[in-house]
Protein backbone atom coordinates (compact mmCIF):
# COMPACT_ATOMS: atom_id res chain seq x y z
CA MET A 1 5.30 -3.55 11.22
CA LYS A 2 5.14 -2.59 14.83
CA LYS A 3 2.42 -0.02 15.46
CA THR A 4 1.19 0.11 11.88
CA ILE A 5 1.06 -3.34 10.37
CA ARG A 6 -1.74 -4.46 12.72
CA LEU A 7 -5.29 -3.43 11.84
CA THR A 8 -6.24 -2.43 15.38
CA GLY A 9 -9.54 -0.71 14.64
CA ILE A 10 -10.63 -3.15 11.96
CA ILE A 11 -9.75 -6.19 14.06
CA THR A 12 -11.68 -4.75 17.01
CA LEU A 13 -14.69 -4.18 14.79
CA ILE A 14 -14.53 -7.72 13.45
CA LEU A 15 -14.47 -8.98 17.01
CA LEU A 16 -17.88 -7.41 17.53
CA VAL A 17 -19.22 -9.86 14.99
CA ALA A 18 -16.95 -12.87 15.63
CA CYS A 19 -13.83 -13.99 17.48
CA LEU A 20 -10.90 -13.66 15.06
CA PHE A 21 -8.37 -16.44 15.54
CA LEU A 22 -4.87 -15.34 14.42
CA GLY A 23 -2.61 -18.01 13.01
CA GLY A 24 1.17 -18.26 12.74
CA CYS A 25 3.02 -18.40 9.48
CA GLY A 26 6.29 -20.16 8.65
CA SER A 27 9.13 -18.67 6.68
CA GLY A 28 11.32 -20.08 3.94
CA ALA A 29 14.04 -17.70 5.16
CA LYS A 30 15.36 -16.93 1.68
CA SER A 31 17.24 -13.69 1.10
CA THR A 32 18.95 -11.47 -1.46
CA GLU A 33 22.45 -10.17 -1.95
CA SER A 34 22.60 -6.88 0.02
CA PRO A 35 20.76 -5.05 2.82
CA GLU A 36 19.23 -2.60 0.35
CA SER A 37 18.12 -5.28 -2.10
CA VAL A 38 16.44 -7.45 0.54
CA ALA A 39 14.67 -4.39 2.01
CA ASP A 40 13.59 -3.32 -1.47
CA ALA A 41 12.34 -6.85 -2.22
CA LEU A 42 10.36 -6.90 1.03
CA MET A 43 8.66 -3.55 0.40
CA LYS A 44 7.93 -4.48 -3.23
CA ALA A 45 6.34 -7.76 -2.08
CA LEU A 46 4.20 -5.85 0.47
CA GLN A 47 3.20 -3.33 -2.19
CA ASP A 48 2.22 -6.11 -4.62
CA GLY A 49 0.47 -8.20 -1.97
CA GLU A 50 2.80 -11.18 -2.50
CA LEU A 51 2.54 -12.63 1.01
CA ASP A 52 4.47 -15.83 0.31
CA LYS A 53 7.38 -13.76 -0.95
CA VAL A 54 7.24 -11.58 2.18
CA ALA A 55 7.59 -14.74 4.28
CA SER A 56 10.56 -15.95 2.24
CA LEU A 57 12.48 -12.70 2.84
CA THR A 58 12.17 -12.54 6.63
CA THR A 59 13.15 -14.46 9.72
CA GLU A 60 10.30 -16.31 11.41
CA GLU A 61 10.54 -14.00 14.44
CA ALA A 62 10.26 -10.85 12.33
CA LEU A 63 7.37 -12.30 10.36
CA ASN A 64 5.36 -13.33 13.41
CA GLU A 65 6.11 -10.24 15.53
CA ASP A 66 6.91 -7.19 13.39
CA LEU A 67 4.91 -8.33 10.36
CA ALA A 68 2.05 -9.95 12.27
CA TYR A 69 -0.35 -8.27 9.84
CA ILE A 70 0.60 -10.92 7.28
CA ALA A 71 -0.46 -13.77 9.57
CA GLU A 72 -3.69 -11.93 10.36
CA ILE A 73 -4.63 -11.64 6.70
CA GLN A 74 -3.67 -15.21 5.83
CA SER A 75 -5.82 -16.59 8.65
CA PHE A 76 -8.54 -13.96 8.35
CA ALA A 77 -11.07 -15.79 6.19
CA ASP A 78 -10.90 -19.17 7.93
CA GLY A 79 -10.75 -17.60 11.41
CA LEU A 80 -13.71 -15.31 10.86
CA VAL A 81 -15.94 -17.88 9.22
CA GLU A 82 -15.03 -20.73 11.59
CA SER A 83 -15.71 -18.55 14.61
CA LEU A 84 -19.21 -17.98 13.25
CA GLY A 85 -19.77 -21.74 13.20
CA ALA A 86 -19.01 -22.56 9.57
CA SER A 87 -16.07 -23.08 7.24
CA THR A 88 -14.94 -21.23 4.10
CA ASP A 89 -15.78 -24.22 1.85
CA GLN A 90 -19.36 -24.10 3.12
CA LEU A 91 -19.87 -20.50 2.03
CA PRO A 92 -21.91 -19.68 -1.05
CA ASP A 93 -20.09 -17.84 -3.85
CA GLU A 94 -21.33 -14.38 -2.83
CA ALA A 95 -20.15 -14.67 0.78
CA LYS A 96 -16.83 -16.21 -0.23
CA LYS A 97 -16.20 -13.44 -2.77
CA ALA A 98 -16.99 -10.76 -0.17
CA VAL A 99 -14.37 -12.19 2.21
CA GLU A 100 -11.82 -12.50 -0.60
CA ASP A 101 -12.46 -8.91 -1.73
CA LEU A 102 -11.91 -7.63 1.81
CA GLN A 103 -8.66 -9.59 2.08
CA LYS A 104 -7.52 -8.19 -1.26
CA VAL A 105 -8.06 -4.60 -0.08
CA MET A 106 -6.28 -5.32 3.21
CA ILE A 107 -3.28 -6.64 1.26
CA GLU A 108 -3.02 -4.59 -1.92
CA ASP A 109 -4.14 -1.18 -0.66
CA TYR A 110 -1.94 -1.13 2.44
CA VAL A 111 1.52 -0.14 1.10
CA LYS A 112 0.91 2.21 -1.84
CA SER A 113 4.49 3.33 -2.48
CA TYR A 114 7.91 3.46 -0.83
CA GLU A 115 11.37 4.92 -1.31
CA ILE A 116 14.62 3.73 0.26
CA SER A 117 16.34 6.77 1.79
CA ASN A 118 19.37 5.51 3.71
CA VAL A 119 21.42 2.37 4.42
CA THR A 120 23.66 1.91 7.46
CA ASP A 121 25.95 -1.14 7.09
CA ASN A 122 27.55 -2.55 10.24
CA GLY A 123 29.20 -5.63 8.80
CA ASP A 124 26.93 -8.62 9.30
CA THR A 125 23.98 -6.41 10.25
CA ALA A 126 22.53 -3.33 8.57
CA THR A 127 19.53 -1.02 8.78
CA VAL A 128 17.62 0.36 5.82
CA GLU A 129 15.37 3.42 6.10
CA CYS A 130 12.29 3.59 3.87
CA GLU A 131 9.79 6.37 3.35
CA VAL A 132 6.47 4.56 3.06
CA ALA A 133 3.09 5.86 1.87
CA TYR A 134 0.16 3.80 3.17
CA GLY A 135 -3.18 3.49 1.42
CA PHE A 136 -5.04 3.54 4.71
CA ASP A 137 -4.24 4.08 8.38
CA PRO A 138 -5.69 1.19 10.42
CA GLU A 139 -4.98 2.96 13.72
CA SER A 140 -7.35 5.79 12.78
CA ILE A 141 -10.28 3.45 12.17
CA GLU A 142 -12.08 3.26 15.48
CA GLU A 143 -14.72 0.68 16.31
CA SER A 144 -17.11 3.47 17.34
CA ASP A 145 -17.09 4.79 13.77
CA TYR A 146 -18.58 1.61 12.33
CA ALA A 147 -19.91 -0.52 15.21
CA ASP A 148 -23.32 1.17 15.22
CA GLU A 149 -23.60 0.79 11.46
CA VAL A 150 -22.88 -2.94 11.66
CA LYS A 151 -25.32 -3.40 14.55
CA THR A 152 -28.02 -1.51 12.65
CA LEU A 153 -27.36 -3.63 9.57
CA MET A 154 -27.77 -6.85 11.58
CA GLN A 155 -30.91 -5.61 13.37
CA THR A 156 -32.51 -4.50 10.13
CA TYR A 157 -31.80 -7.85 8.51
CA ILE A 158 -33.34 -9.77 11.42
CA VAL A 159 -36.46 -7.54 11.52
CA ASP A 160 -36.93 -7.72 7.74
CA ASN A 161 -36.57 -11.51 7.70
CA TYR A 162 -38.01 -12.38 11.11
CA GLU A 163 -40.78 -14.72 9.95
CA GLU A 164 -38.54 -16.62 7.57
CA LEU A 165 -35.74 -16.93 10.14
CA THR A 166 -38.20 -18.16 12.77
CA LYS A 167 -39.49 -20.78 10.35
CA ILE A 168 -35.95 -21.98 9.61
CA MET A 169 -35.23 -22.27 13.33
CA THR A 170 -38.45 -24.18 13.98
CA GLU A 171 -38.28 -26.55 11.02
CA GLU A 172 -34.55 -27.03 10.44
CA GLY A 173 -32.88 -26.14 13.72
CA GLU A 174 -30.19 -23.82 15.05
CA GLU A 175 -27.43 -24.99 12.70
CA ALA A 176 -29.49 -24.17 9.62
CA LEU A 177 -30.39 -20.78 11.08
CA THR A 178 -26.73 -19.98 11.79
CA GLN A 179 -25.78 -20.96 8.24
CA ARG A 180 -28.50 -18.70 6.81
CA LEU A 181 -27.36 -15.75 8.96
CA ILE A 182 -23.74 -16.23 7.84
CA ASN A 183 -24.66 -16.58 4.17
CA ASP A 184 -26.81 -13.44 4.18
CA THR A 185 -24.97 -11.08 6.53
CA LEU A 186 -21.27 -11.89 6.02
CA PRO A 187 -21.21 -10.23 2.57
CA MET A 188 -22.77 -7.08 4.04
CA ILE A 189 -20.28 -7.00 6.94
CA CYS A 190 -17.30 -7.48 4.62
CA GLU A 191 -18.58 -4.85 2.21
CA ASN A 192 -18.89 -2.33 5.07
CA LEU A 193 -15.34 -3.05 6.21
CA THR A 194 -14.04 -2.82 2.64
CA LYS A 195 -15.77 0.54 2.25
CA ALA A 196 -14.25 1.76 5.53
CA LEU A 197 -10.75 0.88 4.33
CA LYS A 198 -11.20 2.47 0.90
CA GLU A 199 -12.55 5.70 2.40
CA ASN A 200 -9.82 5.92 5.05
CA GLN A 201 -6.94 8.39 4.61
CA GLY A 202 -3.49 6.85 4.45
CA LYS A 203 -0.36 8.36 5.95
CA ASN A 204 3.37 8.52 5.37
CA GLU A 205 5.92 7.12 7.81
CA LYS A 206 9.61 6.28 7.99
CA VAL A 207 10.15 2.54 8.42
CA ILE A 208 13.39 1.05 9.72
CA ILE A 209 14.15 -2.38 8.29
CA GLY A 210 16.77 -4.35 10.18
CA THR A 211 18.71 -6.93 8.18
CA GLU A 212 21.38 -9.48 8.97
CA LYS A 213 23.66 -11.77 7.01
CA ILE A 214 22.95 -15.45 7.56
CA ASP A 215 25.08 -18.05 5.75
CA GLY A 216 26.36 -15.32 3.46
CA LYS A 217 22.88 -14.07 2.51
CA TRP A 218 20.91 -11.03 3.73
CA ILE A 219 17.51 -11.45 5.34
CA VAL A 220 15.06 -9.09 7.11
CA SER A 221 15.19 -9.57 10.89
CA GLU A 222 13.20 -6.51 12.05
CA ALA A 223 10.69 -3.95 10.76
CA ARG A 224 9.68 -0.98 12.91
CA ILE A 225 8.47 2.59 12.69
CA ALA A 226 11.19 5.22 13.22
CA GLU A 227 10.91 7.03 16.52
């Protein structure tokens, strides 16, 4: 959702370690029978972390603009790992699990609860107001809070393993060294980010969900924070 659905601080922090490539996401454009029911289905899918269902309830424009957070999460693992010079299928189990655990927190801990408070029906369009409680507030997580910790973690790892890393570089080359760095440090980076999310205080906000009737069915066309 505009202003809140994007993990501004977390994304910035990730960018200190790698370039995060965000991908688009298509929509099946399915809907339910009323403005309230489609809004309720959307919020329930967000609460449960059912990203495919979120996509099926929204227009492509709303998904890619107002709910861009969904695309960020879906492309997070591949984008992060590929930008470090590897691919997710090359990761050892520990590194892969660390990325998956971070994604799970980003999805399942975001919307903790919600309550629909008002519906305004204007014929073929309608707005639904929801009171939403978030598990964490991404806008309050600043890169300065965690950047030094990540840098220290990386420096400590390199110092502690300097001789071994030098040997890998000399005997096996840069690609092997990069793979070793990813395998060993990615779990630590993801664990730090997961910890930051779990320790962060959530907040409550009123969300306005715009809906419209398309071919006799209701679908979400907008999601924004109430002014």
